[in-house]
Amino acid sequence: MSQFLKMKSLTVAILLASAVTGCQQKMAEQPAARPYEPHSLFPNKQSARFLEPGTVHIGQLPTDDPLLTWLTPKGKSPSATPEWKAAVDPNGQSAPSAGAPTEVANFVDEFPFDMTEDDLKRGQQRYNIYCAVCHGAAGHGNGKIVERGYLRPPSYHTDPEGKAFDWSTGHAPKTEERTKELELKLGYSRGFYRYKVQVPLKDVPIGYIYQVITWGYGGMPQIASQVPPADRWRIAAYIRALQLSQNSAGTGVPADVTAAAKNTGPAAPHK
């Protein structure tokens, strides 16, 4: 190839590279209106109109829909316990906000729809996706993320008398005095304990479980943006099923189902 052709090929390659670079730059910086940025499009000098009051997106539920109602009237305006007042607000200048777990009566104790087997299976699937990584497959608070140093969540299951205390509620040294001060057994609600109420998680109303899933608590993020309301109720139902399964004495379970679970023989079709 002659020197001229070499120079010509090099020039063409440089021009092509420049064109590609310029194209990438233009594509990356195309003019586009950003919502509510200054613009001459509308009289208010912004690039988009503000939403009219009361505007909802397609499929948005009203706030009083049963799927979004987990608080009782008492829970919407909770009263403080005397212990909480004495510890937090002795002068009585403030009150707990809506949803504060000051007592179990603040939360509904029924599901907004009948839970079928399919609903529980859906709840199990969603739980395994969003919850088991921290709470563990059986709800003991020993998920894989916890094994790698993440804050350990409380167990869904109340430990027998004499077991360890829930040291995740504080960072003080594990002394005998601190143990007497905490008096919070593993498997008890940390949210209720904040308001000086001790309630095992297996006994909290189902509405409280739904609230924690929706709002998050402590080191637990909310998953409302990822999981729609109906699926949050299904997850709560599956958590309750886990609690029942781990605390069951086995009474009332048909013999054929028990035999199948223990792998002692084939189970007859259950009627």
C-alpha atoms as a PDB file:
ATOM      1  CA  MET A   1       0.000   0.000   0.000  1.00  0.00           C
ATOM      2  CA  SER A   2       1.390   3.396  -0.948  1.00  0.00           C
ATOM      3  CA  GLN A   3       2.122   6.077   1.609  1.00  0.00           C
ATOM      4  CA  PHE A   4      -0.782   8.107   0.198  1.00  0.00           C
ATOM      5  CA  LEU A   5      -3.273   5.284   0.732  1.00  0.00           C
ATOM      6  CA  LYS A   6      -2.013   4.735   4.269  1.00  0.00           C
ATOM      7  CA  MET A   7      -2.486   8.394   5.109  1.00  0.00           C
ATOM      8  CA  LYS A   8      -5.930   8.360   3.508  1.00  0.00           C
ATOM      9  CA  SER A   9      -7.000   5.309   5.524  1.00  0.00           C
ATOM     10  CA  LEU A  10      -5.731   6.871   8.741  1.00  0.00           C
ATOM     11  CA  THR A  11      -7.593  10.111   7.997  1.00  0.00           C
ATOM     12  CA  VAL A  12     -10.832   8.224   7.337  1.00  0.00           C
ATOM     13  CA  ALA A  13     -10.430   6.253  10.578  1.00  0.00           C
ATOM     14  CA  ILE A  14      -9.869   9.456  12.578  1.00  0.00           C
ATOM     15  CA  LEU A  15     -12.939  11.087  11.009  1.00  0.00           C
ATOM     16  CA  LEU A  16     -15.090   8.047  11.757  1.00  0.00           C
ATOM     17  CA  ALA A  17     -13.898   7.954  15.351  1.00  0.00           C
ATOM     18  CA  SER A  18     -14.671  11.646  15.736  1.00  0.00           C
ATOM     19  CA  ALA A  19     -18.123  11.154  14.292  1.00  0.00           C
ATOM     20  CA  VAL A  20     -18.871   8.289  16.662  1.00  0.00           C
ATOM     21  CA  THR A  21     -17.640  10.308  19.650  1.00  0.00           C
ATOM     22  CA  GLY A  22     -19.712  13.282  18.622  1.00  0.00           C
ATOM     23  CA  CYS A  23     -22.767  11.093  18.143  1.00  0.00           C
ATOM     24  CA  GLN A  24     -22.358   9.568  21.606  1.00  0.00           C
ATOM     25  CA  GLN A  25     -21.976  12.983  23.161  1.00  0.00           C
ATOM     26  CA  LYS A  26     -25.074  14.351  21.454  1.00  0.00           C
ATOM     27  CA  MET A  27     -27.114  11.308  22.444  1.00  0.00           C
ATOM     28  CA  ALA A  28     -25.986  11.656  26.036  1.00  0.00           C
ATOM     29  CA  GLU A  29     -26.839  15.342  26.210  1.00  0.00           C
ATOM     30  CA  GLN A  30     -30.028  15.594  24.219  1.00  0.00           C
ATOM     31  CA  PRO A  31     -32.235  18.439  25.414  1.00  0.00           C
ATOM     32  CA  ALA A  32     -35.107  17.130  27.514  1.00  0.00           C
ATOM     33  CA  ALA A  33     -37.550  18.859  29.806  1.00  0.00           C
ATOM     34  CA  ARG A  34     -37.247  17.941  33.449  1.00  0.00           C
ATOM     35  CA  PRO A  35     -40.465  18.028  35.509  1.00  0.00           C
ATOM     36  CA  TYR A  36     -41.082  21.442  37.099  1.00  0.00           C
ATOM     37  CA  GLU A  37     -37.800  22.937  35.904  1.00  0.00           C
ATOM     38  CA  PRO A  38     -37.956  26.566  34.678  1.00  0.00           C
ATOM     39  CA  HIS A  39     -39.370  26.712  31.160  1.00  0.00           C
ATOM     40  CA  SER A  40     -41.502  28.995  29.014  1.00  0.00           C
ATOM     41  CA  LEU A  41     -43.937  26.257  28.013  1.00  0.00           C
ATOM     42  CA  PHE A  42     -46.592  27.093  30.631  1.00  0.00           C
ATOM     43  CA  PRO A  43     -47.645  30.406  32.193  1.00  0.00           C
ATOM     44  CA  ASN A  44     -46.092  29.394  35.519  1.00  0.00           C
ATOM     45  CA  LYS A  45     -42.727  29.229  33.732  1.00  0.00           C
ATOM     46  CA  GLN A  46     -42.300  25.524  34.367  1.00  0.00           C
ATOM     47  CA  SER A  47     -42.062  22.548  32.024  1.00  0.00           C
ATOM     48  CA  ALA A  48     -45.043  20.616  33.400  1.00  0.00           C
ATOM     49  CA  ARG A  49     -48.340  21.365  35.050  1.00  0.00           C
ATOM     50  CA  PHE A  50     -48.722  20.640  38.733  1.00  0.00           C
ATOM     51  CA  LEU A  51     -51.084  17.801  39.546  1.00  0.00           C
ATOM     52  CA  GLU A  52     -54.584  18.878  40.400  1.00  0.00           C
ATOM     53  CA  PRO A  53     -55.571  18.301  44.061  1.00  0.00           C
ATOM     54  CA  GLY A  54     -56.992  14.826  44.533  1.00  0.00           C
ATOM     55  CA  THR A  55     -55.258  13.346  41.494  1.00  0.00           C
ATOM     56  CA  VAL A  56     -54.523   9.626  41.835  1.00  0.00           C
ATOM     57  CA  HIS A  57     -52.690   7.189  39.597  1.00  0.00           C
ATOM     58  CA  ILE A  58     -54.473   4.307  37.913  1.00  0.00           C
ATOM     59  CA  GLY A  59     -55.106   1.580  40.458  1.00  0.00           C
ATOM     60  CA  GLN A  60     -54.386   3.757  43.493  1.00  0.00           C
ATOM     61  CA  LEU A  61     -56.515   2.730  46.462  1.00  0.00           C
ATOM     62  CA  PRO A  62     -58.369   5.236  48.651  1.00  0.00           C
ATOM     63  CA  THR A  63     -56.916   5.632  52.111  1.00  0.00           C
ATOM     64  CA  ASP A  64     -59.963   4.015  53.718  1.00  0.00           C
ATOM     65  CA  ASP A  65     -59.751   0.871  51.585  1.00  0.00           C
ATOM     66  CA  PRO A  66     -59.633  -2.278  53.785  1.00  0.00           C
ATOM     67  CA  LEU A  67     -56.300  -3.230  52.205  1.00  0.00           C
ATOM     68  CA  LEU A  68     -54.806  -0.022  53.605  1.00  0.00           C
ATOM     69  CA  THR A  69     -56.628  -0.067  56.945  1.00  0.00           C
ATOM     70  CA  TRP A  70     -54.493  -1.712  59.599  1.00  0.00           C
ATOM     71  CA  LEU A  71     -55.073   0.786  62.411  1.00  0.00           C
ATOM     72  CA  THR A  72     -58.106   0.914  64.653  1.00  0.00           C
ATOM     73  CA  PRO A  73     -59.568   4.317  65.645  1.00  0.00           C
ATOM     74  CA  LYS A  74     -57.506   4.007  68.833  1.00  0.00           C
ATOM     75  CA  GLY A  75     -54.376   3.378  66.766  1.00  0.00           C
ATOM     76  CA  LYS A  76     -54.938   6.523  64.685  1.00  0.00           C
ATOM     77  CA  SER A  77     -54.847   8.601  67.872  1.00  0.00           C
ATOM     78  CA  PRO A  78     -52.868   6.471  70.328  1.00  0.00           C
ATOM     79  CA  SER A  79     -52.590   7.364  73.965  1.00  0.00           C
ATOM     80  CA  ALA A  80     -49.264   7.096  75.739  1.00  0.00           C
ATOM     81  CA  THR A  81     -48.687   4.559  78.457  1.00  0.00           C
ATOM     82  CA  PRO A  82     -47.798   6.021  81.885  1.00  0.00           C
ATOM     83  CA  GLU A  83     -44.402   4.305  81.687  1.00  0.00           C
ATOM     84  CA  TRP A  84     -43.646   5.908  78.326  1.00  0.00           C
ATOM     85  CA  LYS A  85     -44.777   9.314  79.549  1.00  0.00           C
ATOM     86  CA  ALA A  86     -42.552   9.067  82.608  1.00  0.00           C
ATOM     87  CA  ALA A  87     -39.525   8.019  80.568  1.00  0.00           C
ATOM     88  CA  VAL A  88     -39.964  10.168  77.451  1.00  0.00           C
ATOM     89  CA  ASP A  89     -42.299  13.059  78.154  1.00  0.00           C
ATOM     90  CA  PRO A  90     -42.937  13.574  81.880  1.00  0.00           C
ATOM     91  CA  ASN A  91     -44.402  17.052  81.330  1.00  0.00           C
ATOM     92  CA  GLY A  92     -47.042  15.760  78.933  1.00  0.00           C
ATOM     93  CA  GLN A  93     -46.234  18.100  76.053  1.00  0.00           C
ATOM     94  CA  SER A  94     -46.431  15.522  73.278  1.00  0.00           C
ATOM     95  CA  ALA A  95     -48.319  12.379  72.290  1.00  0.00           C
ATOM     96  CA  PRO A  96     -47.389   9.334  70.219  1.00  0.00           C
ATOM     97  CA  SER A  97     -48.056   9.639  66.505  1.00  0.00           C
ATOM     98  CA  ALA A  98     -50.543   7.532  64.569  1.00  0.00           C
ATOM     99  CA  GLY A  99     -49.438   3.909  64.388  1.00  0.00           C
ATOM    100  CA  ALA A 100     -47.359   4.044  67.555  1.00  0.00           C
ATOM    101  CA  PRO A 101     -47.504   0.589  69.195  1.00  0.00           C
ATOM    102  CA  THR A 102     -48.567   1.782  72.622  1.00  0.00           C
ATOM    103  CA  GLU A 103     -51.068  -1.095  73.005  1.00  0.00           C
ATOM    104  CA  VAL A 104     -52.255  -4.072  70.981  1.00  0.00           C
ATOM    105  CA  ALA A 105     -55.715  -2.517  70.578  1.00  0.00           C
ATOM    106  CA  ASN A 106     -54.178   0.031  68.182  1.00  0.00           C
ATOM    107  CA  PHE A 107     -54.086  -2.548  65.382  1.00  0.00           C
ATOM    108  CA  VAL A 108     -56.671  -4.640  63.577  1.00  0.00           C
ATOM    109  CA  ASP A 109     -56.581  -8.337  64.330  1.00  0.00           C
ATOM    110  CA  GLU A 110     -58.334  -9.615  61.204  1.00  0.00           C
ATOM    111  CA  PHE A 111     -57.325  -9.872  57.583  1.00  0.00           C
ATOM    112  CA  PRO A 112     -59.173  -7.699  55.052  1.00  0.00           C
ATOM    113  CA  PHE A 113     -59.929 -10.768  52.904  1.00  0.00           C
ATOM    114  CA  ASP A 114     -60.158 -14.528  53.364  1.00  0.00           C
ATOM    115  CA  MET A 115     -56.768 -16.222  53.206  1.00  0.00           C
ATOM    116  CA  THR A 116     -56.837 -19.259  50.935  1.00  0.00           C
ATOM    117  CA  GLU A 117     -54.130 -21.855  50.418  1.00  0.00           C
ATOM    118  CA  ASP A 118     -53.099 -20.031  47.258  1.00  0.00           C
ATOM    119  CA  ASP A 119     -52.797 -16.790  49.233  1.00  0.00           C
ATOM    120  CA  LEU A 120     -50.518 -18.473  51.772  1.00  0.00           C
ATOM    121  CA  LYS A 121     -48.374 -19.935  49.006  1.00  0.00           C
ATOM    122  CA  ARG A 122     -48.101 -16.491  47.459  1.00  0.00           C
ATOM    123  CA  GLY A 123     -47.186 -15.092  50.879  1.00  0.00           C
ATOM    124  CA  GLN A 124     -44.524 -17.779  51.272  1.00  0.00           C
ATOM    125  CA  GLN A 125     -43.061 -16.911  47.884  1.00  0.00           C
ATOM    126  CA  ARG A 126     -42.953 -13.179  48.674  1.00  0.00           C
ATOM    127  CA  TYR A 127     -41.540 -13.879  52.151  1.00  0.00           C
ATOM    128  CA  ASN A 128     -38.739 -16.011  50.718  1.00  0.00           C
ATOM    129  CA  ILE A 129     -37.881 -13.221  48.281  1.00  0.00           C
ATOM    130  CA  TYR A 130     -38.019 -10.163  50.528  1.00  0.00           C
ATOM    131  CA  CYS A 131     -37.842 -11.375  54.139  1.00  0.00           C
ATOM    132  CA  ALA A 132     -35.999 -14.679  54.521  1.00  0.00           C
ATOM    133  CA  VAL A 133     -32.604 -13.148  53.702  1.00  0.00           C
ATOM    134  CA  CYS A 134     -32.729 -11.448  57.122  1.00  0.00           C
ATOM    135  CA  HIS A 135     -35.435 -13.226  59.115  1.00  0.00           C
ATOM    136  CA  GLY A 136     -34.507 -16.746  58.030  1.00  0.00           C
ATOM    137  CA  ALA A 137     -36.689 -19.326  56.312  1.00  0.00           C
ATOM    138  CA  ALA A 138     -38.377 -20.321  59.595  1.00  0.00           C
ATOM    139  CA  GLY A 139     -38.420 -16.826  61.114  1.00  0.00           C
ATOM    140  CA  HIS A 140     -35.703 -17.251  63.743  1.00  0.00           C
ATOM    141  CA  GLY A 141     -33.838 -14.106  62.669  1.00  0.00           C
ATOM    142  CA  ASN A 142     -30.845 -15.996  61.289  1.00  0.00           C
ATOM    143  CA  GLY A 143     -30.928 -15.169  57.589  1.00  0.00           C
ATOM    144  CA  LYS A 144     -27.894 -15.113  55.307  1.00  0.00           C
ATOM    145  CA  ILE A 145     -27.489 -11.339  55.495  1.00  0.00           C
ATOM    146  CA  VAL A 146     -27.374 -11.562  59.293  1.00  0.00           C
ATOM    147  CA  GLU A 147     -24.632 -14.181  59.025  1.00  0.00           C
ATOM    148  CA  ARG A 148     -22.595 -11.543  57.193  1.00  0.00           C
ATOM    149  CA  GLY A 149     -22.842  -8.889  59.884  1.00  0.00           C
ATOM    150  CA  TYR A 150     -26.207  -7.191  59.296  1.00  0.00           C
ATOM    151  CA  LEU A 151     -28.323  -6.222  62.318  1.00  0.00           C
ATOM    152  CA  ARG A 152     -30.121  -9.319  63.581  1.00  0.00           C
ATOM    153  CA  PRO A 153     -33.915  -9.004  63.564  1.00  0.00           C
ATOM    154  CA  PRO A 154     -35.990 -10.420  66.412  1.00  0.00           C
ATOM    155  CA  SER A 155     -37.185 -13.986  66.227  1.00  0.00           C
ATOM    156  CA  TYR A 156     -40.852 -14.464  65.404  1.00  0.00           C
ATOM    157  CA  HIS A 157     -40.913 -17.208  68.041  1.00  0.00           C
ATOM    158  CA  THR A 158     -40.828 -16.737  71.798  1.00  0.00           C
ATOM    159  CA  ASP A 159     -37.985 -18.595  73.456  1.00  0.00           C
ATOM    160  CA  PRO A 160     -38.678 -20.662  76.580  1.00  0.00           C
ATOM    161  CA  GLU A 161     -38.072 -19.198  80.012  1.00  0.00           C
ATOM    162  CA  GLY A 162     -34.423 -18.957  80.917  1.00  0.00           C
ATOM    163  CA  LYS A 163     -33.164 -18.230  77.409  1.00  0.00           C
ATOM    164  CA  ALA A 164     -31.022 -15.233  76.469  1.00  0.00           C
ATOM    165  CA  PHE A 165     -32.247 -11.664  76.275  1.00  0.00           C
ATOM    166  CA  ASP A 166     -32.553  -9.669  73.069  1.00  0.00           C
ATOM    167  CA  TRP A 167     -29.290  -7.757  73.133  1.00  0.00           C
ATOM    168  CA  SER A 168     -29.986  -6.152  69.765  1.00  0.00           C
ATOM    169  CA  THR A 169     -32.155  -3.568  71.557  1.00  0.00           C
ATOM    170  CA  GLY A 170     -29.113  -1.762  72.902  1.00  0.00           C
ATOM    171  CA  HIS A 171     -25.352  -1.461  72.740  1.00  0.00           C
ATOM    172  CA  ALA A 172     -24.525  -1.526  76.447  1.00  0.00           C
ATOM    173  CA  PRO A 173     -22.257  -4.257  77.838  1.00  0.00           C
ATOM    174  CA  LYS A 174     -23.959  -7.561  78.585  1.00  0.00           C
ATOM    175  CA  THR A 175     -23.922  -7.285  82.348  1.00  0.00           C
ATOM    176  CA  GLU A 176     -26.300  -8.752  84.902  1.00  0.00           C
ATOM    177  CA  GLU A 177     -27.579  -5.256  85.707  1.00  0.00           C
ATOM    178  CA  ARG A 178     -28.235  -4.584  82.031  1.00  0.00           C
ATOM    179  CA  THR A 179     -30.106  -7.879  81.746  1.00  0.00           C
ATOM    180  CA  LYS A 180     -32.422  -6.884  84.590  1.00  0.00           C
ATOM    181  CA  GLU A 181     -32.939  -3.482  82.997  1.00  0.00           C
ATOM    182  CA  LEU A 182     -33.860  -4.818  79.569  1.00  0.00           C
ATOM    183  CA  GLU A 183     -36.202  -7.612  80.563  1.00  0.00           C
ATOM    184  CA  LEU A 184     -36.888  -8.189  76.866  1.00  0.00           C
ATOM    185  CA  LYS A 185     -36.816 -11.850  75.927  1.00  0.00           C
ATOM    186  CA  LEU A 186     -35.970 -13.065  72.465  1.00  0.00           C
ATOM    187  CA  GLY A 187     -39.078 -13.193  70.323  1.00  0.00           C
ATOM    188  CA  TYR A 188     -40.641 -10.058  71.817  1.00  0.00           C
ATOM    189  CA  SER A 189     -41.603  -6.981  69.810  1.00  0.00           C
ATOM    190  CA  ARG A 190     -39.020  -4.223  69.877  1.00  0.00           C
ATOM    191  CA  GLY A 191     -41.562  -1.696  68.624  1.00  0.00           C
ATOM    192  CA  PHE A 192     -43.940  -2.272  71.534  1.00  0.00           C
ATOM    193  CA  TYR A 193     -41.018  -2.407  73.951  1.00  0.00           C
ATOM    194  CA  ARG A 194     -40.071   1.124  72.920  1.00  0.00           C
ATOM    195  CA  TYR A 195     -43.350   2.228  74.493  1.00  0.00           C
ATOM    196  CA  LYS A 196     -42.726   0.121  77.607  1.00  0.00           C
ATOM    197  CA  VAL A 197     -45.073  -2.662  76.496  1.00  0.00           C
ATOM    198  CA  GLN A 198     -43.816  -6.247  76.359  1.00  0.00           C
ATOM    199  CA  VAL A 199     -45.628  -8.364  73.777  1.00  0.00           C
ATOM    200  CA  PRO A 200     -44.352 -11.565  72.138  1.00  0.00           C
ATOM    201  CA  LEU A 201     -44.341 -11.256  68.363  1.00  0.00           C
ATOM    202  CA  LYS A 202     -46.492 -14.362  68.157  1.00  0.00           C
ATOM    203  CA  ASP A 203     -49.190 -12.409  70.036  1.00  0.00           C
ATOM    204  CA  VAL A 204     -49.045  -9.040  68.241  1.00  0.00           C
ATOM    205  CA  PRO A 205     -52.092  -8.182  66.091  1.00  0.00           C
ATOM    206  CA  ILE A 206     -51.767  -8.971  62.412  1.00  0.00           C
ATOM    207  CA  GLY A 207     -52.162  -5.259  61.660  1.00  0.00           C
ATOM    208  CA  TYR A 208     -48.886  -4.535  63.462  1.00  0.00           C
ATOM    209  CA  ILE A 209     -47.001  -7.027  61.279  1.00  0.00           C
ATOM    210  CA  TYR A 210     -48.519  -5.376  58.212  1.00  0.00           C
ATOM    211  CA  GLN A 211     -47.429  -1.949  59.478  1.00  0.00           C
ATOM    212  CA  VAL A 212     -43.810  -3.010  59.980  1.00  0.00           C
ATOM    213  CA  ILE A 213     -43.749  -4.535  56.489  1.00  0.00           C
ATOM    214  CA  THR A 214     -45.194  -1.307  55.093  1.00  0.00           C
ATOM    215  CA  TRP A 215     -43.186   1.263  57.064  1.00  0.00           C
ATOM    216  CA  GLY A 216     -40.123  -0.704  58.106  1.00  0.00           C
ATOM    217  CA  TYR A 217     -38.672  -0.465  61.597  1.00  0.00           C
ATOM    218  CA  GLY A 218     -35.168   0.142  62.912  1.00  0.00           C
ATOM    219  CA  GLY A 219     -32.697  -1.513  60.559  1.00  0.00           C
ATOM    220  CA  MET A 220     -35.499  -3.002  58.469  1.00  0.00           C
ATOM    221  CA  PRO A 221     -36.405  -0.981  55.366  1.00  0.00           C
ATOM    222  CA  GLN A 222     -39.970  -0.589  54.181  1.00  0.00           C
ATOM    223  CA  ILE A 223     -40.986  -2.748  51.231  1.00  0.00           C
ATOM    224  CA  ALA A 224     -44.220  -0.952  50.377  1.00  0.00           C
ATOM    225  CA  SER A 225     -42.634   0.375  47.200  1.00  0.00           C
ATOM    226  CA  GLN A 226     -41.858  -3.182  46.073  1.00  0.00           C
ATOM    227  CA  VAL A 227     -44.805  -5.191  47.375  1.00  0.00           C
ATOM    228  CA  PRO A 228     -48.463  -4.192  46.801  1.00  0.00           C
ATOM    229  CA  PRO A 229     -50.862  -4.102  49.774  1.00  0.00           C
ATOM    230  CA  ALA A 230     -52.562  -7.456  49.117  1.00  0.00           C
ATOM    231  CA  ASP A 231     -49.197  -9.227  49.006  1.00  0.00           C
ATOM    232  CA  ARG A 232     -48.160  -7.550  52.266  1.00  0.00           C
ATOM    233  CA  TRP A 233     -51.202  -9.092  53.941  1.00  0.00           C
ATOM    234  CA  ARG A 234     -50.269 -12.444  52.412  1.00  0.00           C
ATOM    235  CA  ILE A 235     -46.742 -12.142  53.812  1.00  0.00           C
ATOM    236  CA  ALA A 236     -48.196 -11.299  57.223  1.00  0.00           C
ATOM    237  CA  ALA A 237     -50.439 -14.361  56.985  1.00  0.00           C
ATOM    238  CA  TYR A 238     -47.475 -16.570  56.137  1.00  0.00           C
ATOM    239  CA  ILE A 239     -45.519 -15.157  59.099  1.00  0.00           C
ATOM    240  CA  ARG A 240     -48.434 -16.066  61.350  1.00  0.00           C
ATOM    241  CA  ALA A 241     -48.452 -19.558  59.796  1.00  0.00           C
ATOM    242  CA  LEU A 242     -44.723 -19.847  60.607  1.00  0.00           C
ATOM    243  CA  GLN A 243     -45.407 -18.871  64.196  1.00  0.00           C
ATOM    244  CA  LEU A 244     -48.181 -21.425  64.520  1.00  0.00           C
ATOM    245  CA  SER A 245     -46.047 -24.150  62.974  1.00  0.00           C
ATOM    246  CA  GLN A 246     -43.071 -23.529  65.252  1.00  0.00           C
ATOM    247  CA  ASN A 247     -45.220 -23.429  68.393  1.00  0.00           C
ATOM    248  CA  SER A 248     -47.571 -26.276  67.568  1.00  0.00           C
ATOM    249  CA  ALA A 249     -47.840 -29.223  69.944  1.00  0.00           C
ATOM    250  CA  GLY A 250     -49.060 -31.405  67.081  1.00  0.00           C
ATOM    251  CA  THR A 251     -52.526 -31.849  68.500  1.00  0.00           C
ATOM    252  CA  GLY A 252     -55.291 -31.688  65.958  1.00  0.00           C
ATOM    253  CA  VAL A 253     -53.040 -32.675  63.059  1.00  0.00           C
ATOM    254  CA  PRO A 254     -54.447 -35.701  61.167  1.00  0.00           C
ATOM    255  CA  ALA A 255     -52.450 -38.895  61.717  1.00  0.00           C
ATOM    256  CA  ASP A 256     -51.751 -39.372  58.005  1.00  0.00           C
ATOM    257  CA  VAL A 257     -50.276 -35.882  57.739  1.00  0.00           C
ATOM    258  CA  THR A 258     -48.136 -36.442  60.852  1.00  0.00           C
ATOM    259  CA  ALA A 259     -46.895 -39.755  59.436  1.00  0.00           C
ATOM    260  CA  ALA A 260     -45.966 -38.128  56.146  1.00  0.00           C
ATOM    261  CA  ALA A 261     -44.125 -35.317  57.942  1.00  0.00           C
ATOM    262  CA  LYS A 262     -42.127 -37.814  59.988  1.00  0.00           C
ATOM    263  CA  ASN A 263     -41.547 -39.945  56.896  1.00  0.00           C
ATOM    264  CA  THR A 264     -42.754 -43.029  58.765  1.00  0.00           C
ATOM    265  CA  GLY A 265     -44.946 -44.243  55.975  1.00  0.00           C
ATOM    266  CA  PRO A 266     -47.076 -43.179  53.056  1.00  0.00           C
ATOM    267  CA  ALA A 267     -49.888 -40.789  53.843  1.00  0.00           C
ATOM    268  CA  ALA A 268     -53.405 -41.535  52.693  1.00  0.00           C
ATOM    269  CA  PRO A 269     -55.212 -38.805  50.793  1.00  0.00           C
ATOM    270  CA  HIS A 270     -56.329 -36.259  53.374  1.00  0.00           C
ATOM    271  CA  LYS A 271     -60.023 -35.404  53.328  1.00  0.00           C
END
